Protein backbone atom coordinates (compact mmCIF):
# COMPACT_ATOMS: atom_id res chain seq x y z
CA MET A 1 -119.88 98.08 12.53
CA THR A 2 -123.77 99.09 12.66
CA SER A 3 -126.08 99.32 9.84
CA LEU A 4 -126.16 102.80 7.71
CA ALA A 5 -129.80 102.18 8.19
CA ASP A 6 -130.33 102.69 11.77
CA GLU A 7 -131.30 105.99 13.44
CA ARG A 8 -129.22 107.34 16.38
CA THR A 9 -130.71 109.78 18.86
CA GLY A 10 -128.86 110.87 21.54
CA PHE A 11 -126.21 112.97 20.70
CA ALA A 12 -125.29 115.60 22.93
CA LEU A 13 -124.00 118.94 21.05
CA ARG A 14 -123.21 122.51 22.28
CA PRO A 15 -122.61 125.57 20.61
CA ARG A 16 -119.51 127.13 20.58
CA TYR A 17 -118.64 129.65 22.23
CA ALA A 18 -117.74 132.41 19.74
CA SER A 19 -120.87 132.02 17.81
CA ALA A 20 -122.68 133.64 20.37
CA ASN A 21 -122.55 137.28 18.83
CA ILE A 22 -125.16 138.80 20.33
CA ARG A 23 -126.30 138.52 23.94
CA THR A 24 -126.27 135.06 24.19
CA TRP A 25 -127.90 133.84 20.93
CA ILE A 26 -126.58 131.43 18.52
CA GLY A 27 -126.53 132.49 14.58
CA PHE A 28 -127.52 130.51 11.66
CA LYS A 29 -123.96 129.01 10.77
CA GLN A 30 -123.30 127.67 13.94
CA PHE A 31 -126.57 125.90 13.95
CA MET A 32 -125.80 124.79 10.45
CA ALA A 33 -122.10 123.67 11.42
CA MET A 34 -123.88 121.93 14.00
CA ALA A 35 -126.12 119.84 11.65
CA GLU A 36 -122.77 118.88 10.11
CA GLU A 37 -121.44 117.52 13.49
CA ALA A 38 -124.30 115.47 14.00
CA VAL A 39 -124.03 113.67 10.66
CA LEU A 40 -120.53 113.21 11.45
CA CYS A 41 -121.24 111.29 14.53
CA TRP A 42 -124.04 109.05 12.52
CA PHE A 43 -120.98 108.08 10.41
CA ARG A 44 -118.29 107.82 13.68
CA GLU A 45 -120.43 105.60 15.21
CA ARG A 46 -120.14 103.20 12.55
CA GLY A 47 -116.42 103.13 12.59
CA LEU A 48 -117.24 105.59 9.35
CA GLY A 49 -115.70 109.06 10.29
CA PRO A 50 -113.71 111.33 8.04
CA GLN A 51 -110.33 110.22 9.11
CA ALA A 52 -111.11 106.19 8.88
CA LEU A 53 -112.69 106.76 5.38
CA TYR A 54 -109.93 108.64 4.07
CA HIS A 55 -106.87 106.95 5.10
CA ASP A 56 -108.79 103.23 4.64
CA HIS A 57 -110.94 103.98 1.92
CA GLY A 58 -109.36 106.88 0.16
CA LEU A 59 -112.82 108.47 0.28
CA GLY A 60 -113.26 112.64 1.62
CA LEU A 61 -116.79 112.98 3.12
CA SER A 62 -117.95 116.08 1.59
CA ILE A 63 -121.40 117.76 3.03
CA VAL A 64 -122.99 118.77 -0.64
CA ASP A 65 -126.25 120.45 0.87
CA SER A 66 -127.54 121.50 4.20
CA SER A 67 -131.02 123.06 4.98
CA VAL A 68 -132.74 123.87 8.09
CA GLN A 69 -135.70 125.44 9.73
CA LEU A 70 -134.86 127.32 13.14
CA PRO A 71 -138.41 127.56 14.36
CA ALA A 72 -136.86 128.45 18.10
CA VAL A 73 -133.98 130.64 19.56
CA LEU A 74 -130.64 128.70 20.86
CA GLU A 75 -128.27 130.30 23.82
CA ILE A 76 -124.95 129.70 24.21
CA ASP A 77 -125.60 127.38 27.14
CA ASP A 78 -128.40 125.13 26.16
CA GLU A 79 -127.68 121.39 25.40
CA VAL A 80 -128.84 120.09 22.86
CA ARG A 81 -130.25 116.62 21.83
CA ALA A 82 -129.56 115.71 18.18
CA ARG A 83 -131.43 112.91 16.09
CA VAL A 84 -130.00 111.88 12.61
CA GLY A 85 -131.56 109.37 10.36
CA PRO A 86 -131.06 108.01 6.83
CA ALA A 87 -133.35 109.91 4.48
CA GLY A 88 -132.17 107.97 1.42
CA PRO A 89 -128.39 107.47 0.25
CA GLY A 90 -125.95 110.26 1.21
CA ARG A 91 -129.48 112.15 2.76
CA PHE A 92 -130.44 112.58 6.27
CA ARG A 93 -133.06 114.09 8.65
CA VAL A 94 -131.48 116.49 11.83
CA VAL A 95 -133.91 117.21 14.35
CA PHE A 96 -132.39 119.06 17.00
CA GLU A 97 -133.86 119.67 20.62
CA ALA A 98 -133.08 121.97 23.47
CA ALA A 99 -134.77 123.50 26.86
CA GLY A 100 -137.66 121.27 25.93
CA ASN A 101 -138.05 122.91 22.05
CA ARG A 102 -137.39 121.86 18.93
CA VAL A 103 -134.66 124.01 17.82
CA LEU A 104 -134.01 122.71 14.31
CA ARG A 105 -134.80 120.68 11.51
CA GLY A 106 -132.77 119.93 8.67
CA ARG A 107 -131.60 118.19 5.58
CA THR A 108 -128.05 116.74 5.01
CA THR A 109 -126.93 115.54 1.85
CA VAL A 110 -123.50 113.79 2.19
CA ALA A 111 -120.85 112.64 -1.09
CA LEU A 112 -117.62 110.36 -0.20
CA VAL A 113 -115.29 111.64 -2.96
CA ARG A 114 -112.49 109.16 -4.04
CA GLU A 115 -109.54 111.14 -3.07
CA GLN A 116 -106.81 108.65 -3.29
CA GLU A 117 -105.92 105.00 -3.99
CA PRO A 118 -107.52 102.99 -1.42
CA ALA A 119 -105.71 100.91 1.47
CA ARG A 120 -109.02 98.66 1.41
CA ALA A 121 -112.30 98.38 -0.44
CA CYS A 122 -115.18 100.34 1.38
CA PRO A 123 -118.15 98.75 2.55
CA ASP A 124 -120.41 97.85 -0.21
CA GLU A 125 -123.31 99.71 1.86
CA LEU A 126 -120.79 102.98 0.77
CA ALA A 127 -121.03 102.45 -2.37
CA PRO A 128 -124.24 104.08 -3.45
CA LEU A 129 -122.18 107.52 -1.99
CA VAL A 130 -119.52 107.17 -3.77
CA GLY A 131 -119.43 109.81 -6.73
CA PRO A 132 -118.49 113.64 -7.49
CA ALA A 133 -118.89 116.28 -4.87
CA ALA A 134 -121.60 117.96 -6.67
CA ALA A 135 -123.00 117.57 -10.19
CA GLU A 136 -122.13 120.70 -12.13
CA SER A 137 -124.86 122.97 -12.38
CA ASP A 138 -127.30 123.44 -16.04
CA ARG A 139 -127.67 127.00 -14.94
CA PRO A 140 -126.40 129.90 -17.26
CA ALA A 141 -122.81 130.68 -16.26
CA GLU A 142 -122.72 133.84 -16.16
CA PRO A 143 -123.08 136.51 -12.62
CA ASP A 144 -125.82 139.18 -13.08
CA PRO A 145 -123.53 142.72 -13.45
CA ALA A 146 -126.39 144.61 -11.44
CA ALA A 147 -126.29 142.29 -8.16
CA PHE A 148 -124.70 143.07 -5.37
CA SER A 149 -120.87 140.91 -5.36
CA TRP A 150 -117.64 140.56 -3.68
CA ASP A 151 -115.07 138.45 -5.02
CA TRP A 152 -112.56 136.73 -2.31
CA THR A 153 -109.88 134.05 -2.61
CA ALA A 154 -110.45 130.03 -2.31
CA ARG A 155 -107.77 129.77 0.73
CA TYR A 156 -106.33 126.50 2.46
CA PHE A 157 -108.71 127.36 5.33
CA HIS A 158 -111.29 127.12 3.34
CA CYS A 159 -110.87 123.75 1.78
CA GLN A 160 -111.17 120.23 2.77
CA PHE A 161 -109.00 117.33 1.54
CA SER A 162 -105.88 119.83 0.52
CA ASP A 163 -108.04 121.24 -2.66
CA ARG A 164 -111.86 121.50 -2.86
CA VAL A 165 -113.68 124.57 -0.95
CA GLN A 166 -116.14 122.88 1.51
CA HIS A 167 -119.21 123.17 2.52
CA GLY A 168 -118.93 125.21 5.75
CA ALA A 169 -117.03 127.71 3.63
CA TYR A 170 -120.01 128.79 1.65
CA VAL A 171 -121.75 128.91 5.19
CA ALA A 172 -119.70 131.28 6.37
CA ALA A 173 -119.94 133.55 2.58
CA LEU A 174 -123.37 133.22 3.13
CA GLU A 175 -123.49 135.17 6.85
CA GLU A 176 -120.65 137.57 5.17
CA THR A 177 -122.43 138.24 1.87
CA VAL A 178 -125.74 139.21 3.46
CA ASP A 179 -123.94 141.41 6.04
CA ARG A 180 -122.03 143.23 3.19
CA PHE A 181 -125.31 143.70 1.89
CA LEU A 182 -127.17 144.91 4.17
CA ALA A 183 -124.16 147.77 5.25
CA GLU A 184 -124.08 148.60 1.40
CA ARG A 185 -127.83 149.19 1.42
CA GLY A 186 -127.47 151.52 4.52
CA LEU A 187 -128.71 148.78 7.29
CA GLY A 188 -125.35 147.44 8.69
CA VAL A 189 -125.70 145.56 12.20
CA PRO A 190 -124.12 148.45 14.05
CA ARG A 191 -126.45 151.09 12.68
CA LEU A 192 -129.58 149.22 13.05
CA LEU A 193 -128.65 147.58 16.98
CA ALA A 194 -127.24 151.07 18.28
CA GLU A 195 -130.19 152.72 16.60
CA ARG A 196 -133.09 150.61 17.00
CA GLY A 197 -131.91 147.63 18.36
CA TRP A 198 -132.32 145.23 15.82
CA ILE A 199 -130.48 142.16 15.54
CA PRO A 200 -130.33 140.12 11.91
CA VAL A 201 -132.67 136.51 12.67
CA VAL A 202 -132.37 133.94 10.15
CA SER A 203 -135.29 131.35 10.52
CA ARG A 204 -134.56 129.30 7.09
CA ALA A 205 -131.67 128.74 5.50
CA ARG A 206 -130.06 126.49 2.56
CA VAL A 207 -126.35 126.18 1.01
CA ARG A 208 -125.68 123.56 -1.92
CA LEU A 209 -122.90 123.03 -3.81
CA LEU A 210 -123.45 123.00 -7.88
CA GLY A 211 -119.57 122.30 -8.49
CA ASP A 212 -115.92 122.52 -7.10
CA ALA A 213 -114.13 124.99 -6.20
CA HIS A 214 -110.34 124.79 -5.97
CA MET A 215 -107.82 126.63 -3.74
CA GLY A 216 -106.24 129.67 -5.05
CA GLU A 217 -109.17 130.13 -6.92
CA THR A 218 -110.87 133.52 -7.15
CA VAL A 219 -114.50 133.24 -6.14
CA ARG A 220 -117.35 135.90 -6.95
CA THR A 221 -120.52 135.72 -4.66
CA THR A 222 -123.35 137.46 -5.34
CA PHE A 223 -127.01 138.53 -3.47
CA ALA A 224 -130.18 139.91 -4.58
CA VAL A 225 -133.25 140.32 -2.30
CA THR A 226 -135.97 137.82 -4.45
CA ASP A 227 -139.62 138.32 -2.11
CA PHE A 228 -140.78 139.81 1.11
CA VAL A 229 -142.70 137.77 3.84
CA LYS A 230 -145.24 140.59 4.31
CA ASP A 231 -143.55 143.22 6.64
CA ARG A 232 -141.30 140.52 9.00
CA ALA A 233 -138.85 139.36 6.66
CA PHE A 234 -137.07 138.43 3.07
CA ASP A 235 -135.80 135.89 1.02
CA GLY A 236 -132.48 136.21 -0.70
CA VAL A 237 -130.24 134.19 -3.13
CA MET A 238 -126.07 134.12 -2.88
CA ASP A 239 -124.57 132.42 -5.82
CA CYS A 240 -120.81 131.87 -5.85
CA TRP A 241 -118.80 131.46 -9.65
CA THR A 242 -115.30 130.82 -9.96
CA LEU A 243 -113.73 133.38 -11.98
CA GLY A 244 -110.50 132.26 -13.86
CA ALA A 245 -108.06 134.05 -16.85
CA GLY A 246 -109.50 133.18 -20.48
CA ARG A 247 -112.52 130.45 -19.09
CA ALA A 248 -115.90 131.40 -18.23
CA PRO A 249 -117.52 131.96 -14.68
CA ARG A 250 -118.80 128.54 -13.48
CA LEU A 251 -121.41 128.52 -11.11
CA VAL A 252 -119.95 126.10 -7.94
CA ALA A 253 -122.45 126.87 -5.45
CA THR A 254 -126.19 128.45 -4.68
CA ALA A 255 -127.73 129.34 -1.41
CA SER A 256 -131.18 130.74 0.21
CA ILE A 257 -131.85 132.82 3.34
CA LEU A 258 -134.88 133.52 5.08
CA HIS A 259 -133.92 136.64 7.22
CA GLY A 260 -135.40 139.21 9.36
CA TYR A 261 -134.62 141.14 12.28
CA ALA A 262 -135.29 140.28 16.14
CA VAL A 263 -135.98 143.12 18.89
CA SER A 264 -132.43 143.00 21.24
CA ARG A 265 -133.79 144.69 24.10
CA GLY A 266 -136.55 146.45 26.18
CA PRO A 267 -139.69 144.91 26.95
CA GLY A 268 -139.93 142.84 23.40
CA ALA A 269 -136.37 141.71 23.09
CA GLY A 270 -136.81 138.30 21.69
CA THR A 271 -139.89 139.48 19.62
CA LEU A 272 -139.77 139.73 15.12
CA ALA A 273 -139.44 143.71 14.08
CA THR A 274 -141.95 144.87 11.93
CA LEU A 275 -139.70 146.09 8.66
CA ASP A 276 -141.07 149.83 8.08
CA PRO A 277 -141.19 151.37 5.07
CA ASP A 278 -137.86 153.03 4.24
CA THR A 279 -136.22 149.48 5.50
CA LEU A 280 -138.66 147.52 2.74
CA ALA A 281 -137.19 150.41 0.42
CA ALA A 282 -134.01 149.72 0.63
CA LEU A 283 -134.05 146.17 0.34
CA ALA A 284 -135.97 146.01 -2.75
CA PRO A 285 -134.20 144.96 -6.07
CA GLY A 286 -133.02 148.18 -7.98
CA ALA A 287 -132.75 149.69 -4.55
CA PRO A 288 -129.93 152.84 -4.60
CA ARG A 289 -126.76 151.75 -3.57
C-alpha cells in the first residue's frame, strides 16, 4: 500500500453519455460525480477502495463535502486527466485538465464511517478519517416557509451502505431544485431554450453534508437566490431538512451554486448571456410565483 500522503497524477476519466443534455456540453452534476470518482481512484490505488474498506475494515467511505470551480467547457468526447492530492486528513485537492484547458478545480472531503465490526483493524494512517459522516448542524432547524420548496422521499437508490443518503443524491437534488425553481419563476429550461437559445451554466458549486438522512425519510428541499453577479449570474442556496412525525426538522445538507446562462446557438454560442431586467426581476427574492 502506498502512503496516504502521496499525490497521484494521470487518472484518466471520461464523462458519461447521459450527462450531455444540451448539445455535447457536460453539466456540473457530472463534474462533481467525476471529482468523486477521481478521489475513489486515489483510494483504490492504495488498496483501500470502498469494497475493501467495508468488508475488511467495517468502514463506509462517504463524501461529506465537495466544491468545484468550472472555468472552462467540458464536452462529451473529452478525456479528462485528473490530479488528486491530500490537503489534510480526509481532504483532497482535485484538478481536471481536458483538451489543453483546466476545466475543474475542486476540494473534496471524505469520512470513514463505522458500518459494521471489522474483519481486521484499519491502517493507522486512516484513523484520523474515521468518524461520523457529518457533524450535526447548529443552525436553527426550521425551513423558511416563504422559500421555494419541494419534498422527496429518500429511497434506496439515494443511499449508501443500506441506510444513509449519500452525497451524490444531494448533488442531483441541487440540479433538480434549481430546475424546479426556475420553472416556477417562469424561466423553465424548455421555454428559454426555445425562445432565446439559453441553457443553464454553472461555474461554481458546493454540496456539504450536515447530518444523516436515512432511507425512507422525507426530505424537504428549499432554494433561494441570495445575490447577483452583475447581470450575468446569480448565487443561490439549497438546504435539505428531514421531516418526521412529532420530531423537529433536522438540517442534513446545504449547497451553494453560481448559476447563469450560456447561448447555445448562433454566432454567440458558448458565450454567457446577459440577464435582462425582466429575468432579474423574476429571479429576485420575493418575486411573485
